[in-house]
């Protein structure tokens, strides 16, 4: 082993070169231009051909109204025995 710097052994420095730009910036998995419109529009349930053979109960709306979701005007009219044991 010698005590010299060793820089003389490396030879001349290479000349830097610019590379060509990437054809697809970010690589092959990069997301391209994003459209604000959906690629496949959402279909209404009645327009969906897969729901033609579905039972009628699945296409009807569900009644979710209760005393608790009705107007707050009669909220005090509930008897204590009918209240939820929360």
N, C-alpha and C. Protein backbone atom coordinates (compact mmCIF):
# COMPACT_ATOMS: atom_id res chain seq x y z
N UNK A 1 0.84 -1.18 0.00
CA UNK A 1 0.00 0.00 0.00
C UNK A 1 0.88 1.24 0.00
N UNK A 2 0.46 2.19 -0.74
CA UNK A 2 1.24 3.43 -0.80
C UNK A 2 0.46 4.54 -0.12
N UNK A 3 1.19 5.56 0.30
CA UNK A 3 0.58 6.69 0.99
C UNK A 3 0.16 7.79 0.02
N UNK A 4 0.12 7.54 -1.26
CA UNK A 4 -0.25 8.59 -2.22
C UNK A 4 -1.76 8.75 -2.26
N UNK A 5 -2.17 9.86 -2.84
CA UNK A 5 -3.59 10.21 -2.90
C UNK A 5 -4.37 9.21 -3.75
N UNK A 6 -3.84 8.78 -4.83
CA UNK A 6 -4.51 7.82 -5.69
C UNK A 6 -5.34 8.47 -6.77
N UNK A 7 -5.43 9.80 -6.81
CA UNK A 7 -6.22 10.49 -7.82
C UNK A 7 -5.58 10.35 -9.19
N UNK A 8 -4.27 10.14 -9.23
CA UNK A 8 -3.60 9.99 -10.51
C UNK A 8 -3.96 8.67 -11.17
N UNK A 9 -4.37 7.68 -10.39
CA UNK A 9 -4.67 6.36 -10.92
C UNK A 9 -6.05 6.29 -11.56
N UNK A 10 -6.90 7.26 -11.30
CA UNK A 10 -8.28 7.20 -11.79
C UNK A 10 -8.42 7.58 -13.25
N UNK A 11 -7.55 8.35 -13.77
CA UNK A 11 -7.64 8.78 -15.15
C UNK A 11 -8.46 10.05 -15.26
N UNK A 12 -8.71 10.50 -16.49
CA UNK A 12 -9.44 11.77 -16.66
C UNK A 12 -10.93 11.61 -16.29
N UNK A 13 -11.53 12.73 -15.83
CA UNK A 13 -12.96 12.71 -15.48
C UNK A 13 -13.80 12.62 -16.75
N UNK A 14 -14.87 11.85 -16.73
CA UNK A 14 -15.72 11.76 -17.92
C UNK A 14 -16.49 13.06 -18.14
N UNK A 15 -16.83 13.32 -19.39
CA UNK A 15 -17.60 14.51 -19.73
C UNK A 15 -19.08 14.23 -19.45
N UNK A 16 -19.75 15.09 -18.67
CA UNK A 16 -21.18 14.84 -18.39
C UNK A 16 -22.02 15.00 -19.65
N UNK A 17 -23.02 14.17 -19.80
CA UNK A 17 -23.91 14.22 -20.95
C UNK A 17 -25.36 14.21 -20.45
N UNK A 18 -26.20 15.00 -21.12
CA UNK A 18 -27.62 15.03 -20.77
C UNK A 18 -28.32 13.85 -21.43
N UNK A 19 -29.24 13.24 -20.67
CA UNK A 19 -30.00 12.12 -21.22
C UNK A 19 -31.24 12.64 -21.94
N UNK A 20 -31.76 11.83 -22.84
CA UNK A 20 -33.00 12.17 -23.52
C UNK A 20 -34.15 12.15 -22.50
N UNK A 21 -35.16 13.01 -22.68
CA UNK A 21 -36.29 12.99 -21.74
C UNK A 21 -37.06 11.67 -21.85
N UNK A 22 -37.71 11.30 -20.75
CA UNK A 22 -38.47 10.06 -20.74
C UNK A 22 -39.70 10.20 -21.63
N UNK A 23 -40.01 9.13 -22.35
CA UNK A 23 -41.22 9.16 -23.16
C UNK A 23 -42.47 9.21 -22.29
N UNK A 24 -42.44 8.48 -21.20
CA UNK A 24 -43.54 8.48 -20.25
C UNK A 24 -42.96 8.96 -18.92
N UNK A 25 -43.11 10.26 -18.60
CA UNK A 25 -42.55 10.74 -17.33
C UNK A 25 -43.14 9.98 -16.15
N UNK A 26 -42.30 9.50 -15.30
CA UNK A 26 -42.74 8.75 -14.14
C UNK A 26 -42.71 7.25 -14.36
N UNK A 27 -42.41 6.81 -15.54
CA UNK A 27 -42.34 5.39 -15.82
C UNK A 27 -43.64 4.85 -16.39
N UNK A 28 -43.68 3.54 -16.57
CA UNK A 28 -44.85 2.93 -17.20
C UNK A 28 -46.07 2.93 -16.29
N UNK A 29 -45.88 3.04 -14.98
CA UNK A 29 -47.00 3.03 -14.05
C UNK A 29 -47.51 4.42 -13.72
N UNK A 30 -46.99 5.45 -14.38
CA UNK A 30 -47.40 6.82 -14.08
C UNK A 30 -48.83 7.05 -14.57
N UNK A 31 -49.53 7.89 -13.83
CA UNK A 31 -50.90 8.25 -14.21
C UNK A 31 -50.81 9.38 -15.21
N UNK A 32 -51.47 9.21 -16.34
CA UNK A 32 -51.45 10.23 -17.37
C UNK A 32 -52.41 11.35 -17.04
N UNK A 33 -52.92 11.98 -18.07
CA UNK A 33 -53.87 13.07 -17.86
C UNK A 33 -55.13 12.52 -17.22
N UNK A 34 -55.60 13.18 -16.18
CA UNK A 34 -56.79 12.74 -15.47
C UNK A 34 -57.98 13.54 -15.98
N UNK A 35 -59.00 12.83 -16.42
CA UNK A 35 -60.20 13.48 -16.94
C UNK A 35 -61.14 13.78 -15.78
N UNK A 36 -61.86 14.90 -15.86
CA UNK A 36 -62.82 15.22 -14.81
C UNK A 36 -64.13 14.48 -15.03
N UNK A 37 -64.32 13.87 -16.19
CA UNK A 37 -65.51 13.08 -16.47
C UNK A 37 -65.22 11.61 -16.16
N UNK A 38 -66.19 10.88 -15.61
CA UNK A 38 -65.94 9.46 -15.34
C UNK A 38 -65.81 8.67 -16.63
N UNK A 39 -64.99 7.66 -16.58
CA UNK A 39 -64.79 6.83 -17.76
C UNK A 39 -66.06 6.03 -18.04
N UNK A 40 -66.65 5.47 -17.00
CA UNK A 40 -67.91 4.74 -17.11
C UNK A 40 -68.92 5.49 -16.26
N UNK A 41 -69.97 6.04 -16.86
CA UNK A 41 -70.94 6.79 -16.07
C UNK A 41 -71.74 5.86 -15.15
N UNK A 42 -72.16 6.39 -14.02
CA UNK A 42 -72.98 5.62 -13.09
C UNK A 42 -74.36 5.42 -13.70
N UNK A 43 -74.84 4.20 -13.69
CA UNK A 43 -76.16 3.89 -14.20
C UNK A 43 -77.17 3.91 -13.08
N UNK A 44 -78.37 4.36 -13.38
CA UNK A 44 -79.46 4.25 -12.42
C UNK A 44 -79.80 2.77 -12.28
N UNK A 45 -80.36 2.38 -11.15
CA UNK A 45 -80.69 0.97 -10.93
C UNK A 45 -81.69 0.48 -11.96
N UNK A 46 -82.60 1.34 -12.41
CA UNK A 46 -83.59 0.91 -13.40
C UNK A 46 -82.97 0.71 -14.78
N UNK A 47 -81.85 1.38 -15.07
CA UNK A 47 -81.19 1.25 -16.36
C UNK A 47 -80.16 0.13 -16.38
N UNK A 48 -79.89 -0.47 -15.25
CA UNK A 48 -78.89 -1.52 -15.15
C UNK A 48 -79.51 -2.84 -15.58
N UNK A 49 -79.03 -3.46 -16.66
CA UNK A 49 -79.65 -4.71 -17.12
C UNK A 49 -79.45 -5.87 -16.15
N UNK A 50 -78.50 -5.79 -15.26
CA UNK A 50 -78.27 -6.87 -14.31
C UNK A 50 -79.34 -6.93 -13.24
N UNK A 51 -80.12 -5.87 -13.07
CA UNK A 51 -81.15 -5.85 -12.02
C UNK A 51 -82.53 -6.20 -12.55
N UNK A 52 -82.64 -6.62 -13.83
CA UNK A 52 -83.96 -6.95 -14.38
C UNK A 52 -84.59 -8.14 -13.67
N UNK A 53 -83.80 -9.13 -13.30
CA UNK A 53 -84.33 -10.34 -12.67
C UNK A 53 -84.32 -10.26 -11.15
N UNK A 54 -84.01 -9.12 -10.59
CA UNK A 54 -83.97 -8.98 -9.14
C UNK A 54 -85.38 -8.93 -8.57
N UNK A 55 -85.58 -9.40 -7.34
CA UNK A 55 -86.91 -9.33 -6.74
C UNK A 55 -87.37 -7.89 -6.58
N UNK A 56 -88.67 -7.68 -6.57
CA UNK A 56 -89.24 -6.33 -6.48
C UNK A 56 -88.88 -5.67 -5.16
N UNK A 57 -88.69 -6.47 -4.11
CA UNK A 57 -88.39 -5.90 -2.79
C UNK A 57 -87.06 -5.13 -2.79
N UNK A 58 -86.15 -5.53 -3.66
CA UNK A 58 -84.85 -4.86 -3.68
C UNK A 58 -84.90 -3.52 -4.40
N UNK A 59 -85.89 -3.31 -5.25
CA UNK A 59 -85.97 -2.04 -5.97
C UNK A 59 -86.88 -1.03 -5.28
N UNK A 60 -87.66 -1.48 -4.31
CA UNK A 60 -88.54 -0.57 -3.59
C UNK A 60 -87.75 0.16 -2.51
N UNK A 61 -88.20 1.37 -2.19
CA UNK A 61 -87.56 2.10 -1.11
C UNK A 61 -87.95 1.53 0.23
N UNK A 62 -87.11 1.74 1.21
CA UNK A 62 -87.37 1.23 2.55
C UNK A 62 -87.92 2.34 3.42
N UNK A 63 -88.96 2.03 4.20
CA UNK A 63 -89.55 3.02 5.09
C UNK A 63 -88.72 3.08 6.36
N UNK A 64 -88.00 4.17 6.54
CA UNK A 64 -87.15 4.33 7.72
C UNK A 64 -87.65 5.41 8.65
N UNK A 65 -88.88 5.87 8.44
CA UNK A 65 -89.40 6.94 9.31
C UNK A 65 -89.84 6.35 10.65
N UNK A 66 -89.49 7.04 11.71
CA UNK A 66 -89.87 6.66 13.06
C UNK A 66 -90.28 7.91 13.81
N UNK A 67 -90.73 7.72 15.04
CA UNK A 67 -91.07 8.89 15.86
C UNK A 67 -89.84 9.76 16.09
N UNK A 68 -88.71 9.14 16.21
CA UNK A 68 -87.48 9.90 16.48
C UNK A 68 -87.07 10.75 15.29
N UNK A 69 -87.39 10.30 14.08
CA UNK A 69 -86.98 11.07 12.91
C UNK A 69 -88.06 12.03 12.43
N UNK A 70 -89.24 11.96 13.02
CA UNK A 70 -90.31 12.90 12.65
C UNK A 70 -90.00 14.27 13.22
N UNK A 71 -90.92 15.20 13.03
CA UNK A 71 -90.73 16.57 13.50
C UNK A 71 -90.44 16.61 14.99
N UNK A 72 -89.65 17.59 15.40
CA UNK A 72 -89.31 17.75 16.81
C UNK A 72 -90.42 18.42 17.61
N UNK A 73 -91.51 18.84 16.94
CA UNK A 73 -92.59 19.52 17.65
C UNK A 73 -93.24 18.61 18.68
N UNK A 74 -93.38 17.33 18.36
CA UNK A 74 -94.05 16.42 19.30
C UNK A 74 -93.05 15.51 20.01
N UNK A 75 -91.82 15.93 20.15
CA UNK A 75 -90.80 15.11 20.81
C UNK A 75 -91.09 14.94 22.29
N UNK A 76 -91.77 15.89 22.90
CA UNK A 76 -92.07 15.80 24.33
C UNK A 76 -93.32 14.97 24.59
N UNK A 77 -94.05 14.56 23.54
CA UNK A 77 -95.30 13.83 23.71
C UNK A 77 -95.09 12.34 23.93
N UNK A 78 -93.86 11.86 23.92
CA UNK A 78 -93.58 10.44 24.08
C UNK A 78 -93.60 10.11 25.57
N UNK A 79 -94.34 9.05 25.90
CA UNK A 79 -94.42 8.63 27.30
C UNK A 79 -93.07 8.04 27.72
N UNK A 80 -92.68 8.19 28.98
CA UNK A 80 -91.39 7.67 29.43
C UNK A 80 -91.26 6.16 29.25
N UNK A 81 -92.37 5.43 29.26
CA UNK A 81 -92.29 3.98 29.08
C UNK A 81 -91.99 3.60 27.64
N UNK A 82 -92.24 4.51 26.68
CA UNK A 82 -92.00 4.24 25.27
C UNK A 82 -90.61 4.69 24.81
N UNK A 83 -89.87 5.35 25.69
CA UNK A 83 -88.55 5.84 25.30
C UNK A 83 -87.55 4.71 25.23
N UNK A 84 -86.51 4.94 24.50
CA UNK A 84 -85.45 3.96 24.37
C UNK A 84 -84.65 3.91 25.68
N UNK A 85 -84.27 2.73 26.13
CA UNK A 85 -83.50 2.63 27.39
C UNK A 85 -82.03 2.95 27.19
N UNK A 86 -81.74 4.04 26.56
CA UNK A 86 -80.35 4.41 26.31
C UNK A 86 -79.76 4.91 27.52
